[in-house]
Amino acid sequence: MKFILIYITHKNLREAKKVAGHLLAKRLIACVNYFPIQSSYWWKGKIESGKEIVTFVKTRKENWKKVRDEVKKIHPYETPCIMKLEVEANEDYAEWVLAETATH
């Protein structure tokens, strides 16, 4: 398929919307979904747990590095989670994602 999902974790909804709004304004993504999650992870030698927000952003494959780099620039986490997922979708949705994202 011609587009990808990028999974990004955030401290809270406000931070998630800030990052997503930045990506939308640059037309690097076509859409974003927000999900509340509970996370447990190793951090600096101990296990941490807490609430986070996950965003799934949709964009064309060739925007992966641009999106990753923009998120890293503005994300408040020292080590943000930014993962690319290869996906397939119905053709009209895939075409919409491509039409709504920049190729610069």
PDB file of N, CA and C in Angstrom:
ATOM      1  N   MET A   1       0.849  -1.183   0.000  1.00  0.00           N
ATOM      2  CA  MET A   1       0.000   0.000   0.000  1.00  0.00           C
ATOM      3  C   MET A   1       0.889   1.238   0.000  1.00  0.00           C
ATOM      4  N   LYS A   2       0.315   2.339  -0.307  1.00  0.00           N
ATOM      5  CA  LYS A   2       1.062   3.564  -0.531  1.00  0.00           C
ATOM      6  C   LYS A   2       1.154   4.463   0.700  1.00  0.00           C
ATOM      7  N   PHE A   3       0.576   4.063   1.828  1.00  0.00           N
ATOM      8  CA  PHE A   3       0.673   4.928   2.998  1.00  0.00           C
ATOM      9  C   PHE A   3       0.989   4.124   4.253  1.00  0.00           C
ATOM     10  N   ILE A   4       1.302   4.838   5.323  1.00  0.00           N
ATOM     11  CA  ILE A   4       1.699   4.218   6.582  1.00  0.00           C
ATOM     12  C   ILE A   4       0.930   4.850   7.742  1.00  0.00           C
ATOM     13  N   LEU A   5       0.924   4.129   8.850  1.00  0.00           N
ATOM     14  CA  LEU A   5       0.482   4.674  10.132  1.00  0.00           C
ATOM     15  C   LEU A   5       1.745   4.906  10.949  1.00  0.00           C
ATOM     16  N   ILE A   6       1.754   5.981  11.715  1.00  0.00           N
ATOM     17  CA  ILE A   6       2.853   6.210  12.643  1.00  0.00           C
ATOM     18  C   ILE A   6       2.248   6.299  14.040  1.00  0.00           C
ATOM     19  N   TYR A   7       2.763   5.452  14.922  1.00  0.00           N
ATOM     20  CA  TYR A   7       2.313   5.329  16.311  1.00  0.00           C
ATOM     21  C   TYR A   7       3.238   6.196  17.162  1.00  0.00           C
ATOM     22  N   ILE A   8       2.651   7.142  17.917  1.00  0.00           N
ATOM     23  CA  ILE A   8       3.440   8.049  18.744  1.00  0.00           C
ATOM     24  C   ILE A   8       2.805   8.117  20.133  1.00  0.00           C
ATOM     25  N   THR A   9       3.626   8.007  21.179  1.00  0.00           N
ATOM     26  CA  THR A   9       3.090   8.156  22.534  1.00  0.00           C
ATOM     27  C   THR A   9       3.354   9.576  23.042  1.00  0.00           C
ATOM     28  N   HIS A  10       2.426  10.038  23.917  1.00  0.00           N
ATOM     29  CA  HIS A  10       2.482  11.408  24.441  1.00  0.00           C
ATOM     30  C   HIS A  10       2.104  11.410  25.924  1.00  0.00           C
ATOM     31  N   LYS A  11       2.587  12.416  26.631  1.00  0.00           N
ATOM     32  CA  LYS A  11       2.315  12.577  28.066  1.00  0.00           C
ATOM     33  C   LYS A  11       0.831  12.785  28.357  1.00  0.00           C
ATOM     34  N   ASN A  12       0.158  13.564  27.492  1.00  0.00           N
ATOM     35  CA  ASN A  12      -1.253  13.878  27.719  1.00  0.00           C
ATOM     36  C   ASN A  12      -1.887  14.331  26.398  1.00  0.00           C
ATOM     37  N   LEU A  13      -3.181  14.570  26.428  1.00  0.00           N
ATOM     38  CA  LEU A  13      -3.904  14.951  25.218  1.00  0.00           C
ATOM     39  C   LEU A  13      -3.451  16.312  24.689  1.00  0.00           C
ATOM     40  N   ARG A  14      -3.163  17.238  25.572  1.00  0.00           N
ATOM     41  CA  ARG A  14      -2.704  18.562  25.138  1.00  0.00           C
ATOM     42  C   ARG A  14      -1.414  18.457  24.322  1.00  0.00           C
ATOM     43  N   GLU A  15      -0.464  17.687  24.815  1.00  0.00           N
ATOM     44  CA  GLU A  15       0.802  17.496  24.089  1.00  0.00           C
ATOM     45  C   GLU A  15       0.577  16.756  22.777  1.00  0.00           C
ATOM     46  N   ALA A  16      -0.299  15.757  22.789  1.00  0.00           N
ATOM     47  CA  ALA A  16      -0.593  14.995  21.572  1.00  0.00           C
ATOM     48  C   ALA A  16      -1.195  15.909  20.507  1.00  0.00           C
ATOM     49  N   LYS A  17      -2.119  16.776  20.920  1.00  0.00           N
ATOM     50  CA  LYS A  17      -2.744  17.692  19.958  1.00  0.00           C
ATOM     51  C   LYS A  17      -1.759  18.730  19.444  1.00  0.00           C
ATOM     52  N   LYS A  18      -0.822  19.131  20.274  1.00  0.00           N
ATOM     53  CA  LYS A  18       0.214  20.078  19.843  1.00  0.00           C
ATOM     54  C   LYS A  18       1.064  19.450  18.732  1.00  0.00           C
ATOM     55  N   VAL A  19       1.527  18.236  18.940  1.00  0.00           N
ATOM     56  CA  VAL A  19       2.350  17.547  17.936  1.00  0.00           C
ATOM     57  C   VAL A  19       1.539  17.307  16.662  1.00  0.00           C
ATOM     58  N   ALA A  20       0.337  16.774  16.816  1.00  0.00           N
ATOM     59  CA  ALA A  20      -0.501  16.475  15.650  1.00  0.00           C
ATOM     60  C   ALA A  20      -0.861  17.747  14.886  1.00  0.00           C
ATOM     61  N   GLY A  21      -1.179  18.814  15.601  1.00  0.00           N
ATOM     62  CA  GLY A  21      -1.502  20.075  14.943  1.00  0.00           C
ATOM     63  C   GLY A  21      -0.328  20.598  14.120  1.00  0.00           C
ATOM     64  N   HIS A  22       0.867  20.451  14.652  1.00  0.00           N
ATOM     65  CA  HIS A  22       2.077  20.856  13.935  1.00  0.00           C
ATOM     66  C   HIS A  22       2.220  20.062  12.634  1.00  0.00           C
ATOM     67  N   LEU A  23       2.024  18.737  12.717  1.00  0.00           N
ATOM     68  CA  LEU A  23       2.144  17.879  11.531  1.00  0.00           C
ATOM     69  C   LEU A  23       1.042  18.166  10.515  1.00  0.00           C
ATOM     70  N   LEU A  24      -0.179  18.400  10.999  1.00  0.00           N
ATOM     71  CA  LEU A  24      -1.287  18.738  10.099  1.00  0.00           C
ATOM     72  C   LEU A  24      -1.028  20.068   9.389  1.00  0.00           C
ATOM     73  N   ALA A  25      -0.569  21.063  10.135  1.00  0.00           N
ATOM     74  CA  ALA A  25      -0.319  22.378   9.549  1.00  0.00           C
ATOM     75  C   ALA A  25       0.732  22.305   8.439  1.00  0.00           C
ATOM     76  N   LYS A  26       1.696  21.418   8.581  1.00  0.00           N
ATOM     77  CA  LYS A  26       2.729  21.237   7.559  1.00  0.00           C
ATOM     78  C   LYS A  26       2.280  20.292   6.444  1.00  0.00           C
ATOM     79  N   ARG A  27       1.046  19.773   6.568  1.00  0.00           N
ATOM     80  CA  ARG A  27       0.470  18.815   5.601  1.00  0.00           C
ATOM     81  C   ARG A  27       1.335  17.553   5.467  1.00  0.00           C
ATOM     82  N   LEU A  28       1.999  17.197   6.558  1.00  0.00           N
ATOM     83  CA  LEU A  28       2.788  15.971   6.567  1.00  0.00           C
ATOM     84  C   LEU A  28       1.928  14.755   6.874  1.00  0.00           C
ATOM     85  N   ILE A  29       0.761  14.979   7.470  1.00  0.00           N
ATOM     86  CA  ILE A  29      -0.174  13.893   7.766  1.00  0.00           C
ATOM     87  C   ILE A  29      -1.563  14.281   7.277  1.00  0.00           C
ATOM     88  N   ALA A  30      -2.367  13.263   6.995  1.00  0.00           N
ATOM     89  CA  ALA A  30      -3.737  13.501   6.539  1.00  0.00           C
ATOM     90  C   ALA A  30      -4.725  13.476   7.696  1.00  0.00           C
ATOM     91  N   CYS A  31      -4.398  12.728   8.743  1.00  0.00           N
ATOM     92  CA  CYS A  31      -5.363  12.461   9.807  1.00  0.00           C
ATOM     93  C   CYS A  31      -4.634  11.998  11.054  1.00  0.00           C
ATOM     94  N   VAL A  32      -5.276  12.185  12.210  1.00  0.00           N
ATOM     95  CA  VAL A  32      -4.743  11.686  13.475  1.00  0.00           C
ATOM     96  C   VAL A  32      -5.891  11.141  14.318  1.00  0.00           C
ATOM     97  N   ASN A  33      -5.620  10.061  15.049  1.00  0.00           N
ATOM     98  CA  ASN A  33      -6.561   9.514  16.036  1.00  0.00           C
ATOM     99  C   ASN A  33      -5.866   9.503  17.388  1.00  0.00           C
ATOM    100  N   TYR A  34      -6.638   9.797  18.450  1.00  0.00           N
ATOM    101  CA  TYR A  34      -6.114   9.869  19.816  1.00  0.00           C
ATOM    102  C   TYR A  34      -6.711   8.744  20.655  1.00  0.00           C
ATOM    103  N   PHE A  35      -5.861   8.046  21.421  1.00  0.00           N
ATOM    104  CA  PHE A  35      -6.312   6.951  22.274  1.00  0.00           C
ATOM    105  C   PHE A  35      -5.650   7.046  23.644  1.00  0.00           C
ATOM    106  N   PRO A  36      -6.428   6.987  24.729  1.00  0.00           N
ATOM    107  CA  PRO A  36      -5.823   6.916  26.062  1.00  0.00           C
ATOM    108  C   PRO A  36      -5.309   5.499  26.319  1.00  0.00           C
ATOM    109  N   ILE A  37      -4.129   5.395  26.928  1.00  0.00           N
ATOM    110  CA  ILE A  37      -3.540   4.089  27.237  1.00  0.00           C
ATOM    111  C   ILE A  37      -2.915   4.113  28.633  1.00  0.00           C
ATOM    112  N   GLN A  38      -2.628   2.938  29.142  1.00  0.00           N
ATOM    113  CA  GLN A  38      -1.827   2.748  30.349  1.00  0.00           C
ATOM    114  C   GLN A  38      -0.509   2.135  29.903  1.00  0.00           C
ATOM    115  N   SER A  39       0.611   2.660  30.372  1.00  0.00           N
ATOM    116  CA  SER A  39       1.917   2.163  29.965  1.00  0.00           C
ATOM    117  C   SER A  39       2.744   1.747  31.165  1.00  0.00           C
ATOM    118  N   SER A  40       3.537   0.701  30.989  1.00  0.00           N
ATOM    119  CA  SER A  40       4.572   0.309  31.955  1.00  0.00           C
ATOM    120  C   SER A  40       5.840   0.080  31.150  1.00  0.00           C
ATOM    121  N   TYR A  41       6.969   0.559  31.673  1.00  0.00           N
ATOM    122  CA  TYR A  41       8.204   0.512  30.902  1.00  0.00           C
ATOM    123  C   TYR A  41       9.405   0.719  31.821  1.00  0.00           C
ATOM    124  N   TRP A  42      10.561   0.256  31.343  1.00  0.00           N
ATOM    125  CA  TRP A  42      11.805   0.520  32.042  1.00  0.00           C
ATOM    126  C   TRP A  42      12.266   1.933  31.693  1.00  0.00           C
ATOM    127  N   TRP A  43      12.641   2.720  32.720  1.00  0.00           N
ATOM    128  CA  TRP A  43      13.193   4.034  32.483  1.00  0.00           C
ATOM    129  C   TRP A  43      14.222   4.354  33.549  1.00  0.00           C
ATOM    130  N   LYS A  44      15.446   4.544  33.117  1.00  0.00           N
ATOM    131  CA  LYS A  44      16.560   4.909  33.998  1.00  0.00           C
ATOM    132  C   LYS A  44      16.687   3.958  35.182  1.00  0.00           C
ATOM    133  N   GLY A  45      16.646   2.649  34.873  1.00  0.00           N
ATOM    134  CA  GLY A  45      16.922   1.626  35.868  1.00  0.00           C
ATOM    135  C   GLY A  45      15.757   1.153  36.706  1.00  0.00           C
ATOM    136  N   LYS A  46      14.549   1.658  36.456  1.00  0.00           N
ATOM    137  CA  LYS A  46      13.405   1.174  37.227  1.00  0.00           C
ATOM    138  C   LYS A  46      12.165   1.104  36.356  1.00  0.00           C
ATOM    139  N   ILE A  47      11.182   0.351  36.830  1.00  0.00           N
ATOM    140  CA  ILE A  47       9.932   0.215  36.098  1.00  0.00           C
ATOM    141  C   ILE A  47       9.016   1.376  36.458  1.00  0.00           C
ATOM    142  N   GLU A  48       8.516   2.041  35.433  1.00  0.00           N
ATOM    143  CA  GLU A  48       7.581   3.154  35.588  1.00  0.00           C
ATOM    144  C   GLU A  48       6.227   2.731  35.032  1.00  0.00           C
ATOM    145  N   SER A  49       5.169   3.350  35.504  1.00  0.00           N
ATOM    146  CA  SER A  49       3.822   3.119  34.985  1.00  0.00           C
ATOM    147  C   SER A  49       3.079   4.448  34.966  1.00  0.00           C
ATOM    148  N   GLY A  50       2.182   4.585  34.000  1.00  0.00           N
ATOM    149  CA  GLY A  50       1.406   5.814  33.957  1.00  0.00           C
ATOM    150  C   GLY A  50       0.463   5.854  32.779  1.00  0.00           C
ATOM    151  N   LYS A  51      -0.336   6.900  32.760  1.00  0.00           N
ATOM    152  CA  LYS A  51      -1.271   7.129  31.661  1.00  0.00           C
ATOM    153  C   LYS A  51      -0.561   7.915  30.571  1.00  0.00           C
ATOM    154  N   GLU A  52      -0.886   7.588  29.333  1.00  0.00           N
ATOM    155  CA  GLU A  52      -0.364   8.315  28.179  1.00  0.00           C
ATOM    156  C   GLU A  52      -1.467   8.413  27.134  1.00  0.00           C
ATOM    157  N   ILE A  53      -1.183   9.149  26.086  1.00  0.00           N
ATOM    158  CA  ILE A  53      -2.041   9.204  24.904  1.00  0.00           C
ATOM    159  C   ILE A  53      -1.221   8.661  23.742  1.00  0.00           C
ATOM    160  N   VAL A  54      -1.839   7.801  22.955  1.00  0.00           N
ATOM    161  CA  VAL A  54      -1.227   7.334  21.713  1.00  0.00           C
ATOM    162  C   VAL A  54      -1.920   8.035  20.559  1.00  0.00           C
ATOM    163  N   THR A  55      -1.124   8.479  19.600  1.00  0.00           N
ATOM    164  CA  THR A  55      -1.704   8.956  18.352  1.00  0.00           C
ATOM    165  C   THR A  55      -1.313   7.998  17.243  1.00  0.00           C
ATOM    166  N   PHE A  56      -2.258   7.766  16.347  1.00  0.00           N
ATOM    167  CA  PHE A  56      -1.995   7.103  15.081  1.00  0.00           C
ATOM    168  C   PHE A  56      -2.142   8.181  14.027  1.00  0.00           C
ATOM    169  N   VAL A  57      -1.063   8.502  13.340  1.00  0.00           N
ATOM    170  CA  VAL A  57      -1.137   9.473  12.260  1.00  0.00           C
ATOM    171  C   VAL A  57      -0.978   8.738  10.937  1.00  0.00           C
ATOM    172  N   LYS A  58      -1.675   9.232   9.915  1.00  0.00           N
ATOM    173  CA  LYS A  58      -1.660   8.585   8.602  1.00  0.00           C
ATOM    174  C   LYS A  58      -0.975   9.497   7.604  1.00  0.00           C
ATOM    175  N   THR A  59      -0.052   8.915   6.834  1.00  0.00           N
ATOM    176  CA  THR A  59       0.679   9.684   5.857  1.00  0.00           C
ATOM    177  C   THR A  59       1.219   8.791   4.757  1.00  0.00           C
ATOM    178  N   ARG A  60       1.752   9.395   3.722  1.00  0.00           N
ATOM    179  CA  ARG A  60       2.373   8.636   2.639  1.00  0.00           C
ATOM    180  C   ARG A  60       3.731   8.096   3.101  1.00  0.00           C
ATOM    181  N   LYS A  61       4.145   6.964   2.540  1.00  0.00           N
ATOM    182  CA  LYS A  61       5.398   6.326   2.941  1.00  0.00           C
ATOM    183  C   LYS A  61       6.592   7.267   2.880  1.00  0.00           C
ATOM    184  N   GLU A  62       6.654   8.074   1.830  1.00  0.00           N
ATOM    185  CA  GLU A  62       7.824   8.932   1.662  1.00  0.00           C
ATOM    186  C   GLU A  62       7.909  10.052   2.696  1.00  0.00           C
ATOM    187  N   ASN A  63       6.865  10.254   3.513  1.00  0.00           N
ATOM    188  CA  ASN A  63       6.913  11.266   4.570  1.00  0.00           C
ATOM    189  C   ASN A  63       7.424  10.725   5.905  1.00  0.00           C
ATOM    190  N   TRP A  64       7.724   9.439   5.989  1.00  0.00           N
ATOM    191  CA  TRP A  64       8.150   8.815   7.251  1.00  0.00           C
ATOM    192  C   TRP A  64       9.261   9.609   7.930  1.00  0.00           C
ATOM    193  N   LYS A  65      10.369   9.827   7.258  1.00  0.00           N
ATOM    194  CA  LYS A  65      11.514  10.489   7.899  1.00  0.00           C
ATOM    195  C   LYS A  65      11.192  11.938   8.258  1.00  0.00           C
ATOM    196  N   LYS A  66      10.427  12.614   7.420  1.00  0.00           N
ATOM    197  CA  LYS A  66      10.042  14.008   7.716  1.00  0.00           C
ATOM    198  C   LYS A  66       9.187  14.062   8.969  1.00  0.00           C
ATOM    199  N   VAL A  67       8.194  13.169   9.063  1.00  0.00           N
ATOM    200  CA  VAL A  67       7.324  13.140  10.244  1.00  0.00           C
ATOM    201  C   VAL A  67       8.145  12.792  11.481  1.00  0.00           C
ATOM    202  N   ARG A  68       8.949  11.746  11.393  1.00  0.00           N
ATOM    203  CA  ARG A  68       9.788  11.339  12.529  1.00  0.00           C
ATOM    204  C   ARG A  68      10.648  12.497  13.007  1.00  0.00           C
ATOM    205  N   ASP A  69      11.306  13.185  12.078  1.00  0.00           N
ATOM    206  CA  ASP A  69      12.203  14.276  12.457  1.00  0.00           C
ATOM    207  C   ASP A  69      11.451  15.467  13.053  1.00  0.00           C
ATOM    208  N   GLU A  70      10.279  15.793  12.513  1.00  0.00           N
ATOM    209  CA  GLU A  70       9.477  16.888  13.067  1.00  0.00           C
ATOM    210  C   GLU A  70       9.007  16.550  14.478  1.00  0.00           C
ATOM    211  N   VAL A  71       8.570  15.310  14.693  1.00  0.00           N
ATOM    212  CA  VAL A  71       8.123  14.903  16.032  1.00  0.00           C
ATOM    213  C   VAL A  71       9.285  15.010  17.014  1.00  0.00           C
ATOM    214  N   LYS A  72      10.447  14.513  16.621  1.00  0.00           N
ATOM    215  CA  LYS A  72      11.610  14.564  17.516  1.00  0.00           C
ATOM    216  C   LYS A  72      11.978  16.002  17.889  1.00  0.00           C
ATOM    217  N   LYS A  73      11.788  16.942  16.971  1.00  0.00           N
ATOM    218  CA  LYS A  73      12.116  18.348  17.231  1.00  0.00           C
ATOM    219  C   LYS A  73      11.232  18.962  18.307  1.00  0.00           C
ATOM    220  N   ILE A  74       9.940  18.597  18.325  1.00  0.00           N
ATOM    221  CA  ILE A  74       9.000  19.294  19.215  1.00  0.00           C
ATOM    222  C   ILE A  74       8.463  18.445  20.360  1.00  0.00           C
ATOM    223  N   HIS A  75       8.725  17.144  20.349  1.00  0.00           N
ATOM    224  CA  HIS A  75       8.195  16.251  21.393  1.00  0.00           C
ATOM    225  C   HIS A  75       8.925  16.492  22.709  1.00  0.00           C
ATOM    226  N   PRO A  76       8.202  16.599  23.822  1.00  0.00           N
ATOM    227  CA  PRO A  76       8.859  16.870  25.100  1.00  0.00           C
ATOM    228  C   PRO A  76       9.593  15.671  25.716  1.00  0.00           C
ATOM    229  N   TYR A  77       9.299  14.448  25.274  1.00  0.00           N
ATOM    230  CA  TYR A  77       9.979  13.282  25.841  1.00  0.00           C
ATOM    231  C   TYR A  77      11.449  13.270  25.434  1.00  0.00           C
ATOM    232  N   GLU A  78      12.291  12.835  26.340  1.00  0.00           N
ATOM    233  CA  GLU A  78      13.709  12.648  26.039  1.00  0.00           C
ATOM    234  C   GLU A  78      13.898  11.577  24.965  1.00  0.00           C
ATOM    235  N   THR A  79      13.087  10.519  25.051  1.00  0.00           N
ATOM    236  CA  THR A  79      13.145   9.418  24.084  1.00  0.00           C
ATOM    237  C   THR A  79      11.723   9.102  23.631  1.00  0.00           C
ATOM    238  N   PRO A  80      11.187   9.853  22.671  1.00  0.00           N
ATOM    239  CA  PRO A  80       9.812   9.589  22.237  1.00  0.00           C
ATOM    240  C   PRO A  80       9.679   8.274  21.468  1.00  0.00           C
ATOM    241  N   CYS A  81       8.531   7.657  21.588  1.00  0.00           N
ATOM    242  CA  CYS A  81       8.202   6.458  20.815  1.00  0.00           C
ATOM    243  C   CYS A  81       7.558   6.923  19.509  1.00  0.00           C
ATOM    244  N   ILE A  82       8.229   6.640  18.394  1.00  0.00           N
ATOM    245  CA  ILE A  82       7.737   7.018  17.062  1.00  0.00           C
ATOM    246  C   ILE A  82       7.942   5.786  16.182  1.00  0.00           C
ATOM    247  N   MET A  83       6.876   5.036  15.921  1.00  0.00           N
ATOM    248  CA  MET A  83       6.998   3.774  15.182  1.00  0.00           C
ATOM    249  C   MET A  83       6.203   3.804  13.890  1.00  0.00           C
ATOM    250  N   LYS A  84       6.821   3.329  12.824  1.00  0.00           N
ATOM    251  CA  LYS A  84       6.166   3.240  11.515  1.00  0.00           C
ATOM    252  C   LYS A  84       5.522   1.869  11.365  1.00  0.00           C
ATOM    253  N   LEU A  85       4.267   1.856  10.905  1.00  0.00           N
ATOM    254  CA  LEU A  85       3.540   0.618  10.661  1.00  0.00           C
ATOM    255  C   LEU A  85       3.083   0.581   9.209  1.00  0.00           C
ATOM    256  N   GLU A  86       3.433  -0.474   8.509  1.00  0.00           N
ATOM    257  CA  GLU A  86       2.968  -0.659   7.136  1.00  0.00           C
ATOM    258  C   GLU A  86       1.517  -1.136   7.198  1.00  0.00           C
ATOM    259  N   VAL A  87       0.647  -0.562   6.403  1.00  0.00           N
ATOM    260  CA  VAL A  87      -0.777  -0.903   6.439  1.00  0.00           C
ATOM    261  C   VAL A  87      -1.350  -1.028   5.032  1.00  0.00           C
ATOM    262  N   GLU A  88      -2.507  -1.655   4.962  1.00  0.00           N
ATOM    263  CA  GLU A  88      -3.303  -1.694   3.744  1.00  0.00           C
ATOM    264  C   GLU A  88      -4.697  -1.196   4.090  1.00  0.00           C
ATOM    265  N   ALA A  89      -5.337  -0.551   3.128  1.00  0.00           N
ATOM    266  CA  ALA A  89      -6.672  -0.008   3.373  1.00  0.00           C
ATOM    267  C   ALA A  89      -7.471  -0.053   2.084  1.00  0.00           C
ATOM    268  N   ASN A  90      -8.758   0.262   2.227  1.00  0.00           N
ATOM    269  CA  ASN A  90      -9.585   0.381   1.028  1.00  0.00           C
ATOM    270  C   ASN A  90      -9.008   1.482   0.133  1.00  0.00           C
ATOM    271  N   GLU A  91      -9.109   1.282  -1.157  1.00  0.00           N
ATOM    272  CA  GLU A  91      -8.451   2.151  -2.135  1.00  0.00           C
ATOM    273  C   GLU A  91      -8.871   3.615  -2.028  1.00  0.00           C
ATOM    274  N   ASP A  92     -10.166   3.878  -1.812  1.00  0.00           N
ATOM    275  CA  ASP A  92     -10.592   5.269  -1.745  1.00  0.00           C
ATOM    276  C   ASP A  92     -10.020   5.984  -0.520  1.00  0.00           C
ATOM    277  N   TYR A  93      -9.872   5.269   0.592  1.00  0.00           N
ATOM    278  CA  TYR A  93      -9.258   5.880   1.773  1.00  0.00           C
ATOM    279  C   TYR A  93      -7.772   6.139   1.534  1.00  0.00           C
ATOM    280  N   ALA A  94      -7.087   5.172   0.961  1.00  0.00           N
ATOM    281  CA  ALA A  94      -5.661   5.335   0.662  1.00  0.00           C
ATOM    282  C   ALA A  94      -5.432   6.515  -0.272  1.00  0.00           C
ATOM    283  N   GLU A  95      -6.271   6.653  -1.252  1.00  0.00           N
ATOM    284  CA  GLU A  95      -6.145   7.775  -2.182  1.00  0.00           C
ATOM    285  C   GLU A  95      -6.387   9.105  -1.477  1.00  0.00           C
ATOM    286  N   TRP A  96      -7.322   9.126  -0.530  1.00  0.00           N
ATOM    287  CA  TRP A  96      -7.571  10.341   0.245  1.00  0.00           C
ATOM    288  C   TRP A  96      -6.332  10.727   1.051  1.00  0.00           C
ATOM    289  N   VAL A  97      -5.697   9.743   1.723  1.00  0.00           N
ATOM    290  CA  VAL A  97      -4.481  10.022   2.492  1.00  0.00           C
ATOM    291  C   VAL A  97      -3.425  10.644   1.588  1.00  0.00           C
ATOM    292  N   LEU A  98      -3.228  10.070   0.421  1.00  0.00           N
ATOM    293  CA  LEU A  98      -2.221  10.589  -0.504  1.00  0.00           C
ATOM    294  C   LEU A  98      -2.576  12.002  -0.985  1.00  0.00           C
ATOM    295  N   ALA A  99      -3.852  12.219  -1.246  1.00  0.00           N
ATOM    296  CA  ALA A  99      -4.278  13.534  -1.739  1.00  0.00           C
ATOM    297  C   ALA A  99      -4.096  14.632  -0.693  1.00  0.00           C
ATOM    298  N   GLU A 100      -4.193  14.272   0.588  1.00  0.00           N
ATOM    299  CA  GLU A 100      -4.150  15.267   1.661  1.00  0.00           C
ATOM    300  C   GLU A 100      -2.784  15.507   2.253  1.00  0.00           C
ATOM    301  N   THR A 101      -1.764  14.802   1.784  1.00  0.00           N
ATOM    302  CA  THR A 101      -0.426  14.955   2.359  1.00  0.00           C
ATOM    303  C   THR A 101       0.538  15.539   1.334  1.00  0.00           C
ATOM    304  N   ALA A 102       1.455  16.337   1.841  1.00  0.00           N
ATOM    305  CA  ALA A 102       2.428  16.997   0.986  1.00  0.00           C
ATOM    306  C   ALA A 102       3.512  16.037   0.520  1.00  0.00           C
ATOM    307  N   THR A 103       4.122  16.365  -0.582  1.00  0.00           N
ATOM    308  CA  THR A 103       5.219  15.549  -1.115  1.00  0.00           C
ATOM    309  C   THR A 103       6.516  16.328  -1.208  1.00  0.00           C
ATOM    310  N   HIS A 104       6.587  17.473  -0.561  1.00  0.00           N
ATOM    311  CA  HIS A 104       7.800  18.311  -0.641  1.00  0.00           C
ATOM    312  C   HIS A 104       8.949  17.753   0.183  1.00  0.00           C
TER     313      HIS A 104
END
